[in-house]
N, C-alpha and C. Protein backbone atom coordinates (compact mmCIF):
# COMPACT_ATOMS: atom_id res chain seq x y z
N MET A 1 1.01 -1.12 -0.02
CA MET A 1 0.05 -0.02 0.02
C MET A 1 0.64 1.31 -0.08
N ASN A 2 0.85 2.17 -0.96
CA ASN A 2 1.46 3.25 -0.89
C ASN A 2 1.16 4.39 0.07
N LYS A 3 1.99 5.56 0.22
CA LYS A 3 1.68 6.32 1.33
C LYS A 3 0.15 7.18 1.11
N ARG A 4 -0.10 7.36 -0.18
CA ARG A 4 -1.19 8.29 -0.28
C ARG A 4 -2.42 7.42 -0.08
N LYS A 5 -2.63 6.16 -0.26
CA LYS A 5 -3.71 5.26 -0.30
C LYS A 5 -3.74 5.25 1.41
N GLY A 6 -2.71 4.99 2.16
CA GLY A 6 -2.67 4.76 3.70
C GLY A 6 -3.16 6.18 4.23
N LEU A 7 -2.71 7.22 3.82
CA LEU A 7 -3.32 8.51 4.29
C LEU A 7 -4.94 8.68 3.96
N GLY A 8 -5.27 8.40 2.63
CA GLY A 8 -6.74 8.42 2.37
C GLY A 8 -7.66 7.32 3.31
N ILE A 9 -7.10 6.16 3.67
CA ILE A 9 -7.89 5.23 4.39
C ILE A 9 -7.86 6.26 5.87
N THR A 10 -6.84 6.36 6.33
CA THR A 10 -6.76 7.23 7.66
C THR A 10 -7.76 8.25 7.71
N ILE A 11 -7.81 9.10 6.80
CA ILE A 11 -8.77 10.32 6.92
C ILE A 11 -9.90 9.69 6.97
N PHE A 12 -10.44 8.92 5.89
CA PHE A 12 -11.62 8.28 6.01
C PHE A 12 -12.05 7.58 7.37
N VAL A 13 -11.37 6.89 7.91
CA VAL A 13 -11.73 6.24 9.37
C VAL A 13 -12.02 7.40 10.28
N LEU A 14 -10.84 8.28 10.15
CA LEU A 14 -10.93 9.63 11.39
C LEU A 14 -12.25 10.52 11.06
N CYS A 15 -12.52 10.34 10.03
CA CYS A 15 -14.23 11.26 9.52
C CYS A 15 -15.36 10.38 9.96
N ILE A 16 -15.25 9.32 9.94
CA ILE A 16 -16.36 8.41 10.26
C ILE A 16 -16.33 8.19 11.95
N THR A 17 -15.19 8.06 12.38
CA THR A 17 -15.06 7.92 13.89
C THR A 17 -15.62 9.25 14.57
N THR A 18 -15.14 10.27 14.03
CA THR A 18 -15.46 11.71 14.48
C THR A 18 -16.89 11.96 14.35
N PHE A 19 -17.48 11.60 13.39
CA PHE A 19 -19.02 11.69 13.07
C PHE A 19 -19.69 11.11 14.23
N PHE A 20 -19.50 9.90 14.46
CA PHE A 20 -20.09 8.97 15.58
C PHE A 20 -19.82 9.61 16.78
N LEU A 21 -18.82 10.00 17.19
CA LEU A 21 -18.42 10.82 18.38
C LEU A 21 -19.27 12.11 18.50
N TYR A 22 -19.08 12.71 17.53
CA TYR A 22 -20.22 14.01 17.51
C TYR A 22 -21.69 13.45 17.59
N ALA A 23 -22.15 12.64 16.93
CA ALA A 23 -23.24 12.14 17.26
C ALA A 23 -23.69 11.87 18.48
N CYS A 24 -23.10 10.94 19.13
CA CYS A 24 -23.09 10.56 20.53
C CYS A 24 -23.04 11.82 21.61
N LEU A 25 -22.26 12.90 21.24
CA LEU A 25 -22.14 14.02 22.27
C LEU A 25 -23.39 14.98 21.92
N LEU A 26 -23.86 15.08 20.79
CA LEU A 26 -25.04 15.64 20.29
C LEU A 26 -26.33 15.03 21.11
N MET A 27 -26.51 13.75 20.98
CA MET A 27 -27.71 13.10 21.09
C MET A 27 -27.78 12.32 22.42
N LEU A 28 -26.68 12.15 22.94
CA LEU A 28 -26.60 11.17 24.36
C LEU A 28 -26.22 11.81 25.46
N SER A 29 -25.56 13.00 25.21
CA SER A 29 -24.74 13.88 26.42
C SER A 29 -25.43 14.82 26.99
N GLU A 30 -25.30 15.21 28.01
CA GLU A 30 -25.67 16.44 28.76
C GLU A 30 -25.27 17.69 28.50
N TRP A 31 -23.97 17.38 27.40
CA TRP A 31 -23.27 18.56 26.96
C TRP A 31 -23.95 19.05 25.51
N SER A 32 -25.16 18.33 24.96
CA SER A 32 -25.40 18.49 23.66
C SER A 32 -25.85 20.30 23.39
N PRO A 33 -26.54 21.18 24.35
CA PRO A 33 -26.47 22.60 23.99
C PRO A 33 -24.96 23.11 23.48
N ILE A 34 -24.06 22.82 24.38
CA ILE A 34 -22.73 23.39 24.19
C ILE A 34 -22.27 22.57 22.91
N VAL A 35 -22.45 21.49 22.71
CA VAL A 35 -21.60 20.88 21.46
C VAL A 35 -22.38 21.71 20.20
N LEU A 36 -23.61 21.93 20.35
CA LEU A 36 -24.69 22.55 19.24
C LEU A 36 -24.15 24.06 18.99
N GLN A 37 -23.91 24.71 20.03
CA GLN A 37 -23.30 26.06 20.08
C GLN A 37 -22.20 26.21 19.35
N LEU A 38 -21.11 25.29 19.92
CA LEU A 38 -19.87 25.28 19.27
C LEU A 38 -19.83 24.91 18.01
N SER A 39 -20.57 23.94 17.41
CA SER A 39 -20.54 23.63 16.04
C SER A 39 -20.98 24.87 15.13
N ILE A 40 -21.95 25.66 15.62
CA ILE A 40 -22.69 26.51 14.85
C ILE A 40 -21.62 27.76 14.81
N LEU A 41 -21.00 28.07 15.88
CA LEU A 41 -19.81 28.98 15.94
C LEU A 41 -18.77 28.56 14.85
N MET A 42 -18.54 27.49 14.92
CA MET A 42 -17.20 27.05 13.95
C MET A 42 -17.72 27.32 12.63
N MET A 43 -18.95 26.68 12.34
CA MET A 43 -19.24 26.88 10.95
C MET A 43 -19.42 28.47 10.48
N ILE A 44 -19.97 29.19 11.28
CA ILE A 44 -20.05 30.65 10.69
C ILE A 44 -18.77 31.10 10.86
N GLY A 45 -17.85 30.92 11.80
CA GLY A 45 -16.42 31.25 11.71
C GLY A 45 -15.59 30.81 10.26
N GLY A 46 -15.91 29.57 10.06
CA GLY A 46 -15.33 28.91 9.02
C GLY A 46 -15.64 29.93 7.64
N ILE A 47 -17.07 29.95 7.30
CA ILE A 47 -17.62 30.68 6.41
C ILE A 47 -17.23 31.94 6.37
N LEU A 48 -17.18 32.91 7.36
CA LEU A 48 -16.75 34.18 7.39
C LEU A 48 -15.35 34.23 7.22
N GLY A 49 -14.60 33.35 7.66
CA GLY A 49 -13.01 33.38 7.39
C GLY A 49 -12.70 33.12 5.89
N VAL A 50 -13.43 32.26 5.10
CA VAL A 50 -13.50 32.03 3.69
C VAL A 50 -13.84 33.54 3.22
N VAL A 51 -14.76 34.01 3.38
CA VAL A 51 -15.19 35.44 3.00
C VAL A 51 -14.25 36.42 3.04
N ALA A 52 -13.67 36.44 4.24
CA ALA A 52 -12.67 37.44 4.65
C ALA A 52 -11.48 37.31 3.85
N TRP A 53 -11.11 35.94 3.67
CA TRP A 53 -9.71 35.72 2.76
C TRP A 53 -10.19 36.16 1.23
N ILE A 54 -11.22 35.75 0.99
CA ILE A 54 -11.58 36.24 -0.50
C ILE A 54 -11.45 37.92 -0.52
N GLY A 55 -11.86 38.39 0.32
CA GLY A 55 -11.99 40.00 0.49
C GLY A 55 -10.40 40.47 0.48
N TYR A 56 -9.59 39.76 1.32
CA TYR A 56 -8.20 40.27 1.60
C TYR A 56 -7.33 40.00 0.12
N VAL A 57 -7.62 38.81 -0.43
CA VAL A 57 -6.84 38.58 -1.63
C VAL A 57 -7.47 39.71 -2.91
N MET A 58 -8.81 39.88 -2.86
CA MET A 58 -9.04 40.90 -3.95
C MET A 58 -8.65 42.18 -3.51
N ALA A 59 -8.38 42.68 -2.27
CA ALA A 59 -7.90 43.79 -1.91
C ALA A 59 -6.58 43.96 -2.39
N THR A 60 -5.67 43.03 -2.06
CA THR A 60 -4.11 43.01 -2.03
C THR A 60 -3.58 42.52 -3.47
N THR A 61 -4.30 42.04 -4.24
CA THR A 61 -3.67 41.49 -5.57
C THR A 61 -3.94 42.59 -6.57
N LYS A 62 -2.65 42.86 -7.23
CA LYS A 62 -2.31 43.78 -8.27
C LYS A 62 -3.08 43.31 -9.70
N PRO A 63 -3.68 44.27 -10.12
CA PRO A 63 -4.38 43.77 -11.26
C PRO A 63 -3.32 43.16 -12.57
N SER A 64 -3.54 42.39 -13.33
CA SER A 64 -2.81 42.22 -14.49
C SER A 64 -3.09 42.87 -15.56
N SER A 65 -2.31 43.21 -16.37
CA SER A 65 -2.13 44.02 -17.43
C SER A 65 -3.43 43.79 -18.56
N ALA A 66 -3.79 42.57 -18.38
CA ALA A 66 -4.82 41.97 -19.47
C ALA A 66 -6.21 42.60 -18.82
N SER A 67 -6.11 42.66 -17.61
CA SER A 67 -7.76 42.94 -17.00
C SER A 67 -7.85 44.62 -16.71
N ILE A 68 -6.96 45.24 -17.39
CA ILE A 68 -6.98 46.87 -17.20
C ILE A 68 -7.83 47.35 -18.42
N SER A 69 -8.78 47.91 -18.15
CA SER A 69 -9.51 48.45 -19.45
C SER A 69 -9.07 49.54 -20.16
N PRO A 70 -9.25 49.70 -21.51
CA PRO A 70 -8.52 51.08 -22.05
C PRO A 70 -9.19 52.28 -21.51
N ASP A 71 -10.39 52.25 -21.01
CA ASP A 71 -11.13 53.31 -20.63
C ASP A 71 -10.51 53.97 -19.20
N ASN A 72 -9.66 53.23 -18.41
CA ASN A 72 -8.97 53.74 -17.17
C ASN A 72 -7.88 54.58 -17.55
């Protein structure tokens, strides 16, 4: 088994295991309100982080000569 295939299997198993752990914490634990709040916080933070990164790249990237219109 090559290194890439092993890494893929490891990622797959970790994702499935993490899902079941998350499901147990959310459904069977007294911590479910905290788990739900943290999940939503991480999702919103991730989405806003990607949008902020896009804005940063748009603001700091110099325009190429092909994208400059002759009217400017």
